[in-house]
């Protein structure tokens, strides 16, 4: 956690960019982290040049990547964001410090720990080979094709594949990044427009759509994270909350209820400050 020269911050920046434009690539890279491809050059007696041979070898025995660079980098971005929010709406030293701690350790780290703990205890039991979702057919192939998984904090060498708490935390961290951009950056920039008038349809539409997009991204990336594990069944069910969000979004527009202007969502960001 403190060996900063060994952390791959370039990889963390690449992951943040890909989470917005091609999120599937992020979890493909996690797959190749666990099982890599090695290049071996061979020279046959009858040939005069080297022939490349690609061998698929298992290089890691864990889905979790023990590199906190993504967490540290996003925490730094949250610190800068908290300074911006604090200077704009709480221009004094004490509230700015409390807001920074709140954004990093409660909103980000705390929520990620909560969601990953729920995922660790629920996902494996629900979508594993003996879970309720595994008995469903038609969503993802035939039951029994995937190997079962045990539960464990971190996978040890020689153990079979299992759902690790560290991997659940990785998924939660990466799912938080698009939500951070939506609710902590974009909302800050357009907040004067969103709070112009509670009865303004444009403000209501933009504000509610912003939150719909944020939670849709969060749900979709969470799905991609668990869908990347080859021993879970029918993880498409994790996308069902998106349908609920869309229905609530439509109902809120029909009722003219603005989540930002009337729902006090921004005040919730300053909870405890």
C-alpha atoms as a PDB file:
ATOM      1  CA  UNK A   1       0.000   0.000   0.000  1.00  0.00           C
ATOM      2  CA  UNK A   2       2.963   2.339   0.481  1.00  0.00           C
ATOM      3  CA  UNK A   3       5.323   1.251  -2.311  1.00  0.00           C
ATOM      4  CA  UNK A   4       4.374   4.058  -4.665  1.00  0.00           C
ATOM      5  CA  UNK A   5       7.193   3.477  -7.207  1.00  0.00           C
ATOM      6  CA  UNK A   6       5.781  -0.006  -7.832  1.00  0.00           C
ATOM      7  CA  UNK A   7       2.239   1.230  -8.492  1.00  0.00           C
ATOM      8  CA  UNK A   8       1.027   1.422 -12.075  1.00  0.00           C
ATOM      9  CA  UNK A   9      -0.664   4.830 -12.223  1.00  0.00           C
ATOM     10  CA  UNK A  10      -0.540   4.804 -16.023  1.00  0.00           C
ATOM     11  CA  UNK A  11      -2.666   1.664 -15.960  1.00  0.00           C
ATOM     12  CA  UNK A  12      -5.097   3.346 -13.552  1.00  0.00           C
ATOM     13  CA  UNK A  13      -5.465   6.334 -15.917  1.00  0.00           C
ATOM     14  CA  UNK A  14      -6.052   3.963 -18.829  1.00  0.00           C
ATOM     15  CA  UNK A  15      -8.730   2.154 -16.831  1.00  0.00           C
ATOM     16  CA  UNK A  16     -10.492   5.422 -15.959  1.00  0.00           C
ATOM     17  CA  UNK A  17     -10.555   6.457 -19.615  1.00  0.00           C
ATOM     18  CA  UNK A  18     -11.736   3.040 -20.768  1.00  0.00           C
ATOM     19  CA  UNK A  19     -14.498   2.929 -18.157  1.00  0.00           C
ATOM     20  CA  UNK A  20     -16.162   5.781 -20.041  1.00  0.00           C
ATOM     21  CA  UNK A  21     -15.643   4.734 -23.669  1.00  0.00           C
ATOM     22  CA  UNK A  22     -15.030   0.956 -23.604  1.00  0.00           C
ATOM     23  CA  UNK A  23     -15.601  -0.493 -20.117  1.00  0.00           C
ATOM     24  CA  UNK A  24     -15.380  -4.098 -21.306  1.00  0.00           C
ATOM     25  CA  UNK A  25     -11.675  -3.609 -22.001  1.00  0.00           C
ATOM     26  CA  UNK A  26     -11.013  -2.937 -18.322  1.00  0.00           C
ATOM     27  CA  UNK A  27     -12.235  -6.335 -17.241  1.00  0.00           C
ATOM     28  CA  UNK A  28     -10.596  -8.060 -20.185  1.00  0.00           C
ATOM     29  CA  UNK A  29      -7.314  -6.650 -18.886  1.00  0.00           C
ATOM     30  CA  UNK A  30      -8.121  -8.168 -15.491  1.00  0.00           C
ATOM     31  CA  UNK A  31      -8.597 -11.513 -17.241  1.00  0.00           C
ATOM     32  CA  UNK A  32      -5.187 -11.240 -18.881  1.00  0.00           C
ATOM     33  CA  UNK A  33      -3.746 -10.225 -15.512  1.00  0.00           C
ATOM     34  CA  UNK A  34      -4.769 -13.644 -14.214  1.00  0.00           C
ATOM     35  CA  UNK A  35      -3.817 -15.667 -17.304  1.00  0.00           C
ATOM     36  CA  UNK A  36      -1.245 -14.063 -19.558  1.00  0.00           C
ATOM     37  CA  UNK A  37       0.225 -14.810 -22.969  1.00  0.00           C
ATOM     38  CA  UNK A  38       3.898 -15.550 -23.272  1.00  0.00           C
ATOM     39  CA  UNK A  39       5.923 -15.203 -26.471  1.00  0.00           C
ATOM     40  CA  UNK A  40       8.563 -17.830 -27.144  1.00  0.00           C
ATOM     41  CA  UNK A  41      10.893 -17.780 -30.133  1.00  0.00           C
ATOM     42  CA  UNK A  42      11.943 -21.127 -31.561  1.00  0.00           C
ATOM     43  CA  UNK A  43      14.405 -22.094 -34.268  1.00  0.00           C
ATOM     44  CA  UNK A  44      13.751 -25.315 -36.133  1.00  0.00           C
ATOM     45  CA  UNK A  45      16.735 -27.188 -37.643  1.00  0.00           C
ATOM     46  CA  UNK A  46      15.358 -26.749 -41.171  1.00  0.00           C
ATOM     47  CA  UNK A  47      14.677 -23.012 -40.825  1.00  0.00           C
ATOM     48  CA  UNK A  48      16.930 -19.973 -40.780  1.00  0.00           C
ATOM     49  CA  UNK A  49      14.675 -17.589 -38.902  1.00  0.00           C
ATOM     50  CA  UNK A  50      13.021 -17.579 -35.525  1.00  0.00           C
ATOM     51  CA  UNK A  51       9.388 -18.624 -35.341  1.00  0.00           C
ATOM     52  CA  UNK A  52       7.187 -16.957 -32.692  1.00  0.00           C
ATOM     53  CA  UNK A  53       5.046 -19.282 -30.643  1.00  0.00           C
ATOM     54  CA  UNK A  54       2.296 -17.807 -28.433  1.00  0.00           C
ATOM     55  CA  UNK A  55       1.631 -19.863 -25.346  1.00  0.00           C
ATOM     56  CA  UNK A  56      -1.327 -19.129 -23.038  1.00  0.00           C
ATOM     57  CA  UNK A  57       0.085 -19.568 -19.551  1.00  0.00           C
ATOM     58  CA  UNK A  58      -1.474 -18.857 -16.173  1.00  0.00           C
ATOM     59  CA  UNK A  59       0.692 -16.144 -14.639  1.00  0.00           C
ATOM     60  CA  UNK A  60      -1.472 -15.174 -11.652  1.00  0.00           C
ATOM     61  CA  UNK A  61      -3.809 -17.208  -9.515  1.00  0.00           C
ATOM     62  CA  UNK A  62      -6.006 -14.356  -8.386  1.00  0.00           C
ATOM     63  CA  UNK A  63      -8.578 -12.117 -10.039  1.00  0.00           C
ATOM     64  CA  UNK A  64      -7.802  -9.358  -7.574  1.00  0.00           C
ATOM     65  CA  UNK A  65      -5.038  -6.984  -8.634  1.00  0.00           C
ATOM     66  CA  UNK A  66      -3.059  -5.960  -5.514  1.00  0.00           C
ATOM     67  CA  UNK A  67      -2.262  -2.492  -6.836  1.00  0.00           C
ATOM     68  CA  UNK A  68      -4.047   0.380  -5.041  1.00  0.00           C
ATOM     69  CA  UNK A  69      -3.069   2.953  -7.678  1.00  0.00           C
ATOM     70  CA  UNK A  70      -6.677   3.265  -8.935  1.00  0.00           C
ATOM     71  CA  UNK A  71      -7.958   3.864  -5.402  1.00  0.00           C
ATOM     72  CA  UNK A  72      -5.251   6.415  -4.609  1.00  0.00           C
ATOM     73  CA  UNK A  73      -5.727   8.278  -7.874  1.00  0.00           C
ATOM     74  CA  UNK A  74      -9.504   8.507  -7.535  1.00  0.00           C
ATOM     75  CA  UNK A  75      -9.079   9.598  -3.898  1.00  0.00           C
ATOM     76  CA  UNK A  76      -6.815  12.404  -5.102  1.00  0.00           C
ATOM     77  CA  UNK A  77      -9.435  13.478  -7.655  1.00  0.00           C
ATOM     78  CA  UNK A  78     -12.072  13.449  -4.914  1.00  0.00           C
ATOM     79  CA  UNK A  79      -9.829  15.659  -2.790  1.00  0.00           C
ATOM     80  CA  UNK A  80      -9.608  18.217  -5.592  1.00  0.00           C
ATOM     81  CA  UNK A  81     -13.362  17.992  -6.137  1.00  0.00           C
ATOM     82  CA  UNK A  82     -14.045  18.501  -2.437  1.00  0.00           C
ATOM     83  CA  UNK A  83     -11.885  21.616  -2.509  1.00  0.00           C
ATOM     84  CA  UNK A  84     -13.925  22.959  -5.433  1.00  0.00           C
ATOM     85  CA  UNK A  85     -17.264  22.203  -3.735  1.00  0.00           C
ATOM     86  CA  UNK A  86     -16.013  23.601  -0.432  1.00  0.00           C
ATOM     87  CA  UNK A  87     -14.684  26.841  -1.879  1.00  0.00           C
ATOM     88  CA  UNK A  88     -17.936  27.390  -3.764  1.00  0.00           C
ATOM     89  CA  UNK A  89     -20.472  26.477  -1.084  1.00  0.00           C
ATOM     90  CA  UNK A  90     -18.632  26.226   2.260  1.00  0.00           C
ATOM     91  CA  UNK A  91     -15.831  28.805   2.120  1.00  0.00           C
ATOM     92  CA  UNK A  92     -14.095  28.074   5.413  1.00  0.00           C
ATOM     93  CA  UNK A  93     -11.251  25.757   6.361  1.00  0.00           C
ATOM     94  CA  UNK A  94     -13.068  23.427   8.754  1.00  0.00           C
ATOM     95  CA  UNK A  95     -15.983  22.471   6.481  1.00  0.00           C
ATOM     96  CA  UNK A  96     -13.628  21.996   3.515  1.00  0.00           C
ATOM     97  CA  UNK A  97     -11.500  19.529   5.497  1.00  0.00           C
ATOM     98  CA  UNK A  98     -14.586  17.649   6.689  1.00  0.00           C
ATOM     99  CA  UNK A  99     -15.977  17.595   3.161  1.00  0.00           C
ATOM    100  CA  UNK A 100     -12.713  16.153   1.824  1.00  0.00           C
ATOM    101  CA  UNK A 101     -12.742  13.391   4.424  1.00  0.00           C
ATOM    102  CA  UNK A 102     -16.409  12.755   3.728  1.00  0.00           C
ATOM    103  CA  UNK A 103     -15.941  12.447  -0.035  1.00  0.00           C
ATOM    104  CA  UNK A 104     -12.948  10.108   0.227  1.00  0.00           C
ATOM    105  CA  UNK A 105     -13.579   7.912   3.265  1.00  0.00           C
ATOM    106  CA  UNK A 106     -17.385   7.795   3.369  1.00  0.00           C
ATOM    107  CA  UNK A 107     -18.700   8.347  -0.150  1.00  0.00           C
ATOM    108  CA  UNK A 108     -15.912   6.484  -1.963  1.00  0.00           C
ATOM    109  CA  UNK A 109     -14.090   4.077   0.367  1.00  0.00           C
ATOM    110  CA  UNK A 110     -17.056   3.502   2.670  1.00  0.00           C
ATOM    111  CA  UNK A 111     -19.618   2.879  -0.066  1.00  0.00           C
ATOM    112  CA  UNK A 112     -17.166   0.670  -1.973  1.00  0.00           C
ATOM    113  CA  UNK A 113     -16.523  -1.420   1.136  1.00  0.00           C
ATOM    114  CA  UNK A 114     -20.265  -1.714   1.770  1.00  0.00           C
ATOM    115  CA  UNK A 115     -21.117  -2.701  -1.810  1.00  0.00           C
ATOM    116  CA  UNK A 116     -18.173  -5.084  -2.108  1.00  0.00           C
ATOM    117  CA  UNK A 117     -19.094  -6.749   1.207  1.00  0.00           C
ATOM    118  CA  UNK A 118     -22.652  -7.283  -0.030  1.00  0.00           C
ATOM    119  CA  UNK A 119     -21.317  -8.583  -3.338  1.00  0.00           C
ATOM    120  CA  UNK A 120     -18.862 -10.908  -1.586  1.00  0.00           C
ATOM    121  CA  UNK A 121     -21.560 -12.543   0.530  1.00  0.00           C
ATOM    122  CA  UNK A 122     -24.401 -12.467  -2.039  1.00  0.00           C
ATOM    123  CA  UNK A 123     -23.010 -12.752  -5.589  1.00  0.00           C
ATOM    124  CA  UNK A 124     -21.233 -16.071  -5.132  1.00  0.00           C
ATOM    125  CA  UNK A 125     -24.229 -17.644  -3.407  1.00  0.00           C
ATOM    126  CA  UNK A 126     -26.772 -16.245  -5.838  1.00  0.00           C
ATOM    127  CA  UNK A 127     -24.927 -16.661  -9.142  1.00  0.00           C
ATOM    128  CA  UNK A 128     -22.633 -19.555  -8.256  1.00  0.00           C
ATOM    129  CA  UNK A 129     -23.250 -23.100  -9.535  1.00  0.00           C
ATOM    130  CA  UNK A 130     -25.573 -23.896  -6.625  1.00  0.00           C
ATOM    131  CA  UNK A 131     -27.245 -20.490  -6.473  1.00  0.00           C
ATOM    132  CA  UNK A 132     -30.774 -19.529  -7.420  1.00  0.00           C
ATOM    133  CA  UNK A 133     -29.669 -17.862 -10.657  1.00  0.00           C
ATOM    134  CA  UNK A 134     -27.787 -20.977 -11.767  1.00  0.00           C
ATOM    135  CA  UNK A 135     -31.072 -22.888 -12.112  1.00  0.00           C
ATOM    136  CA  UNK A 136     -32.329 -20.440 -14.739  1.00  0.00           C
ATOM    137  CA  UNK A 137     -31.780 -21.334 -18.383  1.00  0.00           C
ATOM    138  CA  UNK A 138     -31.857 -19.256 -21.514  1.00  0.00           C
ATOM    139  CA  UNK A 139     -29.889 -16.310 -20.175  1.00  0.00           C
ATOM    140  CA  UNK A 140     -26.384 -17.594 -20.582  1.00  0.00           C
ATOM    141  CA  UNK A 141     -25.845 -21.035 -21.973  1.00  0.00           C
ATOM    142  CA  UNK A 142     -26.391 -24.340 -20.261  1.00  0.00           C
ATOM    143  CA  UNK A 143     -26.006 -24.877 -16.574  1.00  0.00           C
ATOM    144  CA  UNK A 144     -22.909 -26.796 -15.621  1.00  0.00           C
ATOM    145  CA  UNK A 145     -20.497 -25.425 -18.179  1.00  0.00           C
ATOM    146  CA  UNK A 146     -18.834 -23.163 -15.656  1.00  0.00           C
ATOM    147  CA  UNK A 147     -16.773 -24.314 -12.729  1.00  0.00           C
ATOM    148  CA  UNK A 148     -17.954 -23.722  -9.220  1.00  0.00           C
ATOM    149  CA  UNK A 149     -16.313 -21.177  -6.956  1.00  0.00           C
ATOM    150  CA  UNK A 150     -15.643 -21.053  -3.266  1.00  0.00           C
ATOM    151  CA  UNK A 151     -15.548 -17.899  -1.165  1.00  0.00           C
ATOM    152  CA  UNK A 152     -12.304 -16.313   0.030  1.00  0.00           C
ATOM    153  CA  UNK A 153     -10.750 -12.978   0.867  1.00  0.00           C
ATOM    154  CA  UNK A 154      -7.814 -13.549  -1.465  1.00  0.00           C
ATOM    155  CA  UNK A 155      -7.033 -16.578  -3.563  1.00  0.00           C
ATOM    156  CA  UNK A 156      -4.017 -18.603  -2.520  1.00  0.00           C
ATOM    157  CA  UNK A 157      -1.770 -20.583  -4.887  1.00  0.00           C
ATOM    158  CA  UNK A 158      -3.169 -24.009  -5.644  1.00  0.00           C
ATOM    159  CA  UNK A 159      -6.756 -23.158  -4.746  1.00  0.00           C
ATOM    160  CA  UNK A 160      -9.625 -23.410  -7.178  1.00  0.00           C
ATOM    161  CA  UNK A 161     -11.194 -20.299  -8.614  1.00  0.00           C
ATOM    162  CA  UNK A 162     -13.267 -18.371  -6.126  1.00  0.00           C
ATOM    163  CA  UNK A 163     -14.968 -15.047  -5.597  1.00  0.00           C
ATOM    164  CA  UNK A 164     -12.502 -12.901  -3.675  1.00  0.00           C
ATOM    165  CA  UNK A 165     -13.352  -9.934  -1.506  1.00  0.00           C
ATOM    166  CA  UNK A 166     -10.446  -8.050  -3.080  1.00  0.00           C
ATOM    167  CA  UNK A 167     -11.965  -8.498  -6.535  1.00  0.00           C
ATOM    168  CA  UNK A 168     -15.377  -7.317  -5.281  1.00  0.00           C
ATOM    169  CA  UNK A 169     -13.652  -4.201  -3.950  1.00  0.00           C
ATOM    170  CA  UNK A 170     -11.909  -3.679  -7.316  1.00  0.00           C
ATOM    171  CA  UNK A 171     -15.268  -3.825  -9.099  1.00  0.00           C
ATOM    172  CA  UNK A 172     -16.879  -1.359  -6.675  1.00  0.00           C
ATOM    173  CA  UNK A 173     -13.997   1.079  -7.034  1.00  0.00           C
ATOM    174  CA  UNK A 174     -14.187   1.065 -10.816  1.00  0.00           C
ATOM    175  CA  UNK A 175     -17.970   1.367 -10.816  1.00  0.00           C
ATOM    176  CA  UNK A 176     -17.661   4.465  -8.620  1.00  0.00           C
ATOM    177  CA  UNK A 177     -15.551   6.398 -11.131  1.00  0.00           C
ATOM    178  CA  UNK A 178     -18.310   7.199 -13.710  1.00  0.00           C
ATOM    179  CA  UNK A 179     -20.657   8.022 -10.824  1.00  0.00           C
ATOM    180  CA  UNK A 180     -17.982  10.393  -9.500  1.00  0.00           C
ATOM    181  CA  UNK A 181     -17.762  12.173 -12.859  1.00  0.00           C
ATOM    182  CA  UNK A 182     -21.534  12.521 -13.085  1.00  0.00           C
ATOM    183  CA  UNK A 183     -22.425  13.622  -9.558  1.00  0.00           C
ATOM    184  CA  UNK A 184     -19.252  15.290  -8.315  1.00  0.00           C
ATOM    185  CA  UNK A 185     -17.883  16.938 -11.468  1.00  0.00           C
ATOM    186  CA  UNK A 186     -20.637  17.462 -14.062  1.00  0.00           C
ATOM    187  CA  UNK A 187     -23.279  18.265 -11.450  1.00  0.00           C
ATOM    188  CA  UNK A 188     -20.945  20.835  -9.887  1.00  0.00           C
ATOM    189  CA  UNK A 189     -20.423  22.536 -13.240  1.00  0.00           C
ATOM    190  CA  UNK A 190     -24.110  22.746 -14.194  1.00  0.00           C
ATOM    191  CA  UNK A 191     -25.587  23.128 -10.709  1.00  0.00           C
ATOM    192  CA  UNK A 192     -26.745  26.739 -11.301  1.00  0.00           C
ATOM    193  CA  UNK A 193     -28.782  25.494 -14.261  1.00  0.00           C
ATOM    194  CA  UNK A 194     -30.191  22.499 -12.364  1.00  0.00           C
ATOM    195  CA  UNK A 195     -31.390  24.669  -9.451  1.00  0.00           C
ATOM    196  CA  UNK A 196     -32.727  27.550 -11.516  1.00  0.00           C
ATOM    197  CA  UNK A 197     -36.376  26.760 -10.853  1.00  0.00           C
ATOM    198  CA  UNK A 198     -38.145  23.675  -9.426  1.00  0.00           C
ATOM    199  CA  UNK A 199     -40.857  24.045 -12.051  1.00  0.00           C
ATOM    200  CA  UNK A 200     -38.411  24.349 -14.963  1.00  0.00           C
ATOM    201  CA  UNK A 201     -38.815  21.209 -17.101  1.00  0.00           C
ATOM    202  CA  UNK A 202     -35.357  21.542 -18.640  1.00  0.00           C
ATOM    203  CA  UNK A 203     -33.712  21.666 -15.207  1.00  0.00           C
ATOM    204  CA  UNK A 204     -35.783  18.707 -14.046  1.00  0.00           C
ATOM    205  CA  UNK A 205     -34.971  16.708 -17.176  1.00  0.00           C
ATOM    206  CA  UNK A 206     -31.237  17.412 -17.039  1.00  0.00           C
ATOM    207  CA  UNK A 207     -30.926  16.756 -13.320  1.00  0.00           C
ATOM    208  CA  UNK A 208     -32.924  13.531 -13.308  1.00  0.00           C
ATOM    209  CA  UNK A 209     -31.199  12.306 -16.475  1.00  0.00           C
ATOM    210  CA  UNK A 210     -27.812  12.989 -14.898  1.00  0.00           C
ATOM    211  CA  UNK A 211     -28.636  10.764 -11.947  1.00  0.00           C
ATOM    212  CA  UNK A 212     -30.167   8.128 -14.241  1.00  0.00           C
ATOM    213  CA  UNK A 213     -26.963   8.032 -16.287  1.00  0.00           C
ATOM    214  CA  UNK A 214     -24.790   7.879 -13.154  1.00  0.00           C
ATOM    215  CA  UNK A 215     -26.571   4.925 -11.577  1.00  0.00           C
ATOM    216  CA  UNK A 216     -26.956   3.170 -14.929  1.00  0.00           C
ATOM    217  CA  UNK A 217     -23.198   3.381 -15.444  1.00  0.00           C
ATOM    218  CA  UNK A 218     -22.607   2.129 -11.900  1.00  0.00           C
ATOM    219  CA  UNK A 219     -24.899  -0.864 -12.413  1.00  0.00           C
ATOM    220  CA  UNK A 220     -23.526  -1.702 -15.859  1.00  0.00           C
ATOM    221  CA  UNK A 221     -19.882  -1.654 -14.756  1.00  0.00           C
ATOM    222  CA  UNK A 222     -20.739  -3.744 -11.704  1.00  0.00           C
ATOM    223  CA  UNK A 223     -22.358  -6.251 -14.058  1.00  0.00           C
ATOM    224  CA  UNK A 224     -19.301  -6.283 -16.329  1.00  0.00           C
ATOM    225  CA  UNK A 225     -17.056  -6.924 -13.352  1.00  0.00           C
ATOM    226  CA  UNK A 226     -18.904 -10.021 -12.186  1.00  0.00           C
ATOM    227  CA  UNK A 227     -19.744 -11.124 -15.707  1.00  0.00           C
ATOM    228  CA  UNK A 228     -15.996 -11.408 -16.378  1.00  0.00           C
ATOM    229  CA  UNK A 229     -15.712 -14.261 -13.875  1.00  0.00           C
ATOM    230  CA  UNK A 230     -16.111 -17.568 -15.760  1.00  0.00           C
ATOM    231  CA  UNK A 231     -17.624 -19.429 -12.823  1.00  0.00           C
ATOM    232  CA  UNK A 232     -20.733 -17.260 -12.257  1.00  0.00           C
ATOM    233  CA  UNK A 233     -24.085 -17.942 -13.931  1.00  0.00           C
ATOM    234  CA  UNK A 234     -26.677 -15.594 -15.425  1.00  0.00           C
ATOM    235  CA  UNK A 235     -25.082 -12.384 -14.175  1.00  0.00           C
ATOM    236  CA  UNK A 236     -27.305 -10.505 -16.643  1.00  0.00           C
ATOM    237  CA  UNK A 237     -29.794 -10.334 -13.771  1.00  0.00           C
ATOM    238  CA  UNK A 238     -27.555  -7.684 -12.236  1.00  0.00           C
ATOM    239  CA  UNK A 239     -28.785  -5.324 -14.957  1.00  0.00           C
ATOM    240  CA  UNK A 240     -32.371  -5.360 -13.661  1.00  0.00           C
ATOM    241  CA  UNK A 241     -31.901  -2.245 -11.474  1.00  0.00           C
ATOM    242  CA  UNK A 242     -31.410  -0.243 -14.678  1.00  0.00           C
ATOM    243  CA  UNK A 243     -35.031  -0.980 -15.604  1.00  0.00           C
ATOM    244  CA  UNK A 244     -36.148   0.226 -12.173  1.00  0.00           C
ATOM    245  CA  UNK A 245     -34.083   3.420 -12.544  1.00  0.00           C
ATOM    246  CA  UNK A 246     -35.598   4.094 -15.973  1.00  0.00           C
ATOM    247  CA  UNK A 247     -39.156   3.675 -14.655  1.00  0.00           C
ATOM    248  CA  UNK A 248     -38.476   6.003 -11.710  1.00  0.00           C
ATOM    249  CA  UNK A 249     -36.893   8.535 -14.085  1.00  0.00           C
ATOM    250  CA  UNK A 250     -39.982   8.501 -16.327  1.00  0.00           C
ATOM    251  CA  UNK A 251     -42.373   8.796 -13.385  1.00  0.00           C
ATOM    252  CA  UNK A 252     -40.379  11.722 -11.958  1.00  0.00           C
ATOM    253  CA  UNK A 253     -40.571  13.588 -15.268  1.00  0.00           C
ATOM    254  CA  UNK A 254     -44.311  13.011 -15.547  1.00  0.00           C
ATOM    255  CA  UNK A 255     -44.805  14.207 -11.963  1.00  0.00           C
ATOM    256  CA  UNK A 256     -42.465  17.173 -12.509  1.00  0.00           C
ATOM    257  CA  UNK A 257     -40.336  16.232  -9.502  1.00  0.00           C
ATOM    258  CA  UNK A 258     -36.722  17.357  -9.819  1.00  0.00           C
ATOM    259  CA  UNK A 259     -34.191  15.240  -7.950  1.00  0.00           C
ATOM    260  CA  UNK A 260     -31.757  18.143  -7.651  1.00  0.00           C
ATOM    261  CA  UNK A 261     -34.052  21.136  -7.225  1.00  0.00           C
ATOM    262  CA  UNK A 262     -36.677  19.463  -5.026  1.00  0.00           C
ATOM    263  CA  UNK A 263     -35.071  16.250  -3.788  1.00  0.00           C
ATOM    264  CA  UNK A 264     -32.202  17.895  -1.856  1.00  0.00           C
ATOM    265  CA  UNK A 265     -29.703  15.502  -3.428  1.00  0.00           C
ATOM    266  CA  UNK A 266     -26.926  18.096  -3.322  1.00  0.00           C
ATOM    267  CA  UNK A 267     -27.485  18.657   0.381  1.00  0.00           C
ATOM    268  CA  UNK A 268     -26.880  14.939   0.798  1.00  0.00           C
ATOM    269  CA  UNK A 269     -23.338  15.359  -0.527  1.00  0.00           C
ATOM    270  CA  UNK A 270     -22.654  17.697   2.407  1.00  0.00           C
ATOM    271  CA  UNK A 271     -24.170  15.362   4.994  1.00  0.00           C
ATOM    272  CA  UNK A 272     -22.309  15.764   8.289  1.00  0.00           C
ATOM    273  CA  UNK A 273     -20.307  18.819   7.178  1.00  0.00           C
END
